[in-house]
Amino acid sequence: MEITEPRRLYQQLAAELKARIEQGVYLVGDKLPAERFIADEKSVSRTVVREAIIMLEVEGYVEVRKGSGIHVISNHPKHQQVVDETLEFASYGPL
């Protein structure tokens, strides 16, 4: 039996939003729904939504623009970009 730690609500919401981004529901350049809408839709507080958005921002999926909203800037996490770039450089062979 595998023991897993319960995830906090904001982590669950971030995972759901991330999945939507990765599946193409929200495309790069799209604006996510307003915090208030997400909070109402998921029956969570706006604080939970903000924490989830911060998590996605740190991972490189979204950018929060004051007065403009939350915009999708990537459908790949930052660490995946680093791995991809490293593999690309490694394919050039020894220098």
C-alpha atoms as a PDB file:
ATOM      1  CA  MET A   1       0.000   0.000   0.000  1.00  0.00           C
ATOM      2  CA  GLU A   2       1.372   3.382  -1.004  1.00  0.00           C
ATOM      3  CA  ILE A   3       1.126   6.159   1.555  1.00  0.00           C
ATOM      4  CA  THR A   4       0.697   9.618   0.136  1.00  0.00           C
ATOM      5  CA  GLU A   5       0.470  12.912   1.937  1.00  0.00           C
ATOM      6  CA  PRO A   6      -2.801  14.742   1.534  1.00  0.00           C
ATOM      7  CA  ARG A   7      -2.348  17.725  -0.730  1.00  0.00           C
ATOM      8  CA  ARG A   8      -3.518  21.140   0.278  1.00  0.00           C
ATOM      9  CA  LEU A   9      -6.506  22.603  -1.516  1.00  0.00           C
ATOM     10  CA  TYR A  10      -4.429  25.176  -3.429  1.00  0.00           C
ATOM     11  CA  GLN A  11      -2.150  22.376  -4.670  1.00  0.00           C
ATOM     12  CA  GLN A  12      -5.153  20.417  -5.913  1.00  0.00           C
ATOM     13  CA  LEU A  13      -6.493  23.488  -7.711  1.00  0.00           C
ATOM     14  CA  ALA A  14      -3.069  24.267  -9.198  1.00  0.00           C
ATOM     15  CA  ALA A  15      -2.803  20.682 -10.468  1.00  0.00           C
ATOM     16  CA  GLU A  16      -6.226  20.958 -12.100  1.00  0.00           C
ATOM     17  CA  LEU A  17      -5.417  24.288 -13.774  1.00  0.00           C
ATOM     18  CA  LYS A  18      -2.023  22.952 -14.868  1.00  0.00           C
ATOM     19  CA  ALA A  19      -3.703  19.913 -16.433  1.00  0.00           C
ATOM     20  CA  ARG A  20      -6.077  22.196 -18.333  1.00  0.00           C
ATOM     21  CA  ILE A  21      -3.107  24.184 -19.647  1.00  0.00           C
ATOM     22  CA  GLU A  22      -1.167  21.055 -20.637  1.00  0.00           C
ATOM     23  CA  GLN A  23      -4.244  19.556 -22.341  1.00  0.00           C
ATOM     24  CA  GLY A  24      -4.816  22.708 -24.379  1.00  0.00           C
ATOM     25  CA  VAL A  25      -8.013  23.870 -22.699  1.00  0.00           C
ATOM     26  CA  TYR A  26      -6.134  27.106 -22.010  1.00  0.00           C
ATOM     27  CA  LEU A  27      -3.612  27.950 -24.730  1.00  0.00           C
ATOM     28  CA  VAL A  28      -0.463  30.058 -24.540  1.00  0.00           C
ATOM     29  CA  GLY A  29      -1.640  33.659 -24.763  1.00  0.00           C
ATOM     30  CA  ASP A  30      -5.060  32.910 -23.289  1.00  0.00           C
ATOM     31  CA  LYS A  31      -6.312  34.700 -20.232  1.00  0.00           C
ATOM     32  CA  LEU A  32      -7.506  32.507 -17.363  1.00  0.00           C
ATOM     33  CA  PRO A  33     -10.910  33.211 -15.834  1.00  0.00           C
ATOM     34  CA  ALA A  34     -10.993  35.817 -13.059  1.00  0.00           C
ATOM     35  CA  GLU A  35     -10.082  34.728  -9.522  1.00  0.00           C
ATOM     36  CA  ARG A  36     -13.641  35.327  -8.394  1.00  0.00           C
ATOM     37  CA  PHE A  37     -15.040  33.079 -11.138  1.00  0.00           C
ATOM     38  CA  ILE A  38     -12.589  30.252 -10.364  1.00  0.00           C
ATOM     39  CA  ALA A  39     -13.338  30.555  -6.641  1.00  0.00           C
ATOM     40  CA  ASP A  40     -17.093  30.370  -7.242  1.00  0.00           C
ATOM     41  CA  GLU A  41     -16.781  27.532  -9.764  1.00  0.00           C
ATOM     42  CA  LYS A  42     -14.642  25.401  -7.427  1.00  0.00           C
ATOM     43  CA  SER A  43     -16.308  26.515  -4.172  1.00  0.00           C
ATOM     44  CA  VAL A  44     -13.028  27.687  -2.650  1.00  0.00           C
ATOM     45  CA  SER A  45     -11.835  30.989  -1.255  1.00  0.00           C
ATOM     46  CA  ARG A  46     -10.034  33.544  -3.398  1.00  0.00           C
ATOM     47  CA  THR A  47      -7.009  32.984  -1.150  1.00  0.00           C
ATOM     48  CA  VAL A  48      -6.869  29.364  -2.338  1.00  0.00           C
ATOM     49  CA  VAL A  49      -7.096  30.563  -5.945  1.00  0.00           C
ATOM     50  CA  ARG A  50      -4.308  33.116  -5.401  1.00  0.00           C
ATOM     51  CA  GLU A  51      -2.028  30.472  -3.870  1.00  0.00           C
ATOM     52  CA  ALA A  52      -2.690  28.128  -6.801  1.00  0.00           C
ATOM     53  CA  ILE A  53      -1.918  30.930  -9.272  1.00  0.00           C
ATOM     54  CA  ILE A  54       1.319  31.751  -7.431  1.00  0.00           C
ATOM     55  CA  MET A  55       2.302  28.094  -7.703  1.00  0.00           C
ATOM     56  CA  LEU A  56       1.643  28.124 -11.463  1.00  0.00           C
ATOM     57  CA  GLU A  57       3.533  31.397 -11.815  1.00  0.00           C
ATOM     58  CA  VAL A  58       6.592  29.985 -10.022  1.00  0.00           C
ATOM     59  CA  GLU A  59       6.469  26.916 -12.267  1.00  0.00           C
ATOM     60  CA  GLY A  60       6.393  29.155 -15.347  1.00  0.00           C
ATOM     61  CA  TYR A  61       2.892  28.392 -16.626  1.00  0.00           C
ATOM     62  CA  VAL A  62       1.245  31.775 -16.085  1.00  0.00           C
ATOM     63  CA  GLU A  63       2.063  35.435 -15.661  1.00  0.00           C
ATOM     64  CA  VAL A  64      -0.034  37.756 -13.538  1.00  0.00           C
ATOM     65  CA  ARG A  65      -0.365  41.186 -15.132  1.00  0.00           C
ATOM     66  CA  LYS A  66      -1.807  43.860 -12.868  1.00  0.00           C
ATOM     67  CA  GLY A  67      -5.003  45.223 -14.302  1.00  0.00           C
ATOM     68  CA  SER A  68      -4.949  42.691 -17.124  1.00  0.00           C
ATOM     69  CA  GLY A  69      -5.399  39.317 -15.442  1.00  0.00           C
ATOM     70  CA  ILE A  70      -3.674  35.964 -15.469  1.00  0.00           C
ATOM     71  CA  HIS A  71      -2.156  34.967 -18.805  1.00  0.00           C
ATOM     72  CA  VAL A  72      -0.869  31.559 -19.898  1.00  0.00           C
ATOM     73  CA  ILE A  73       2.756  31.942 -20.977  1.00  0.00           C
ATOM     74  CA  SER A  74       3.814  28.292 -21.317  1.00  0.00           C
ATOM     75  CA  ASN A  75       2.339  24.828 -21.440  1.00  0.00           C
ATOM     76  CA  HIS A  76       5.568  23.235 -20.167  1.00  0.00           C
ATOM     77  CA  PRO A  77       6.995  23.661 -16.671  1.00  0.00           C
ATOM     78  CA  LYS A  78      10.248  25.573 -16.252  1.00  0.00           C
ATOM     79  CA  HIS A  79      12.184  22.498 -15.145  1.00  0.00           C
ATOM     80  CA  GLN A  80      11.039  20.669 -18.286  1.00  0.00           C
ATOM     81  CA  GLN A  81      12.409  23.521 -20.414  1.00  0.00           C
ATOM     82  CA  VAL A  82      15.778  23.172 -18.672  1.00  0.00           C
ATOM     83  CA  VAL A  83      15.784  19.421 -19.323  1.00  0.00           C
ATOM     84  CA  ASP A  84      14.860  19.979 -22.976  1.00  0.00           C
ATOM     85  CA  GLU A  85      17.602  22.583 -23.432  1.00  0.00           C
ATOM     86  CA  THR A  86      20.168  20.349 -21.726  1.00  0.00           C
ATOM     87  CA  LEU A  87      19.264  17.432 -23.989  1.00  0.00           C
ATOM     88  CA  GLU A  88      19.475  19.685 -27.022  1.00  0.00           C
ATOM     89  CA  PHE A  89      22.970  20.866 -26.066  1.00  0.00           C
ATOM     90  CA  ALA A  90      24.029  17.297 -25.267  1.00  0.00           C
ATOM     91  CA  SER A  91      23.014  16.231 -28.767  1.00  0.00           C
ATOM     92  CA  TYR A  92      25.776  18.412 -30.209  1.00  0.00           C
ATOM     93  CA  GLY A  93      28.388  16.041 -28.802  1.00  0.00           C
ATOM     94  CA  PRO A  94      31.677  16.902 -27.108  1.00  0.00           C
ATOM     95  CA  LEU A  95      33.023  20.381 -27.662  1.00  0.00           C
END
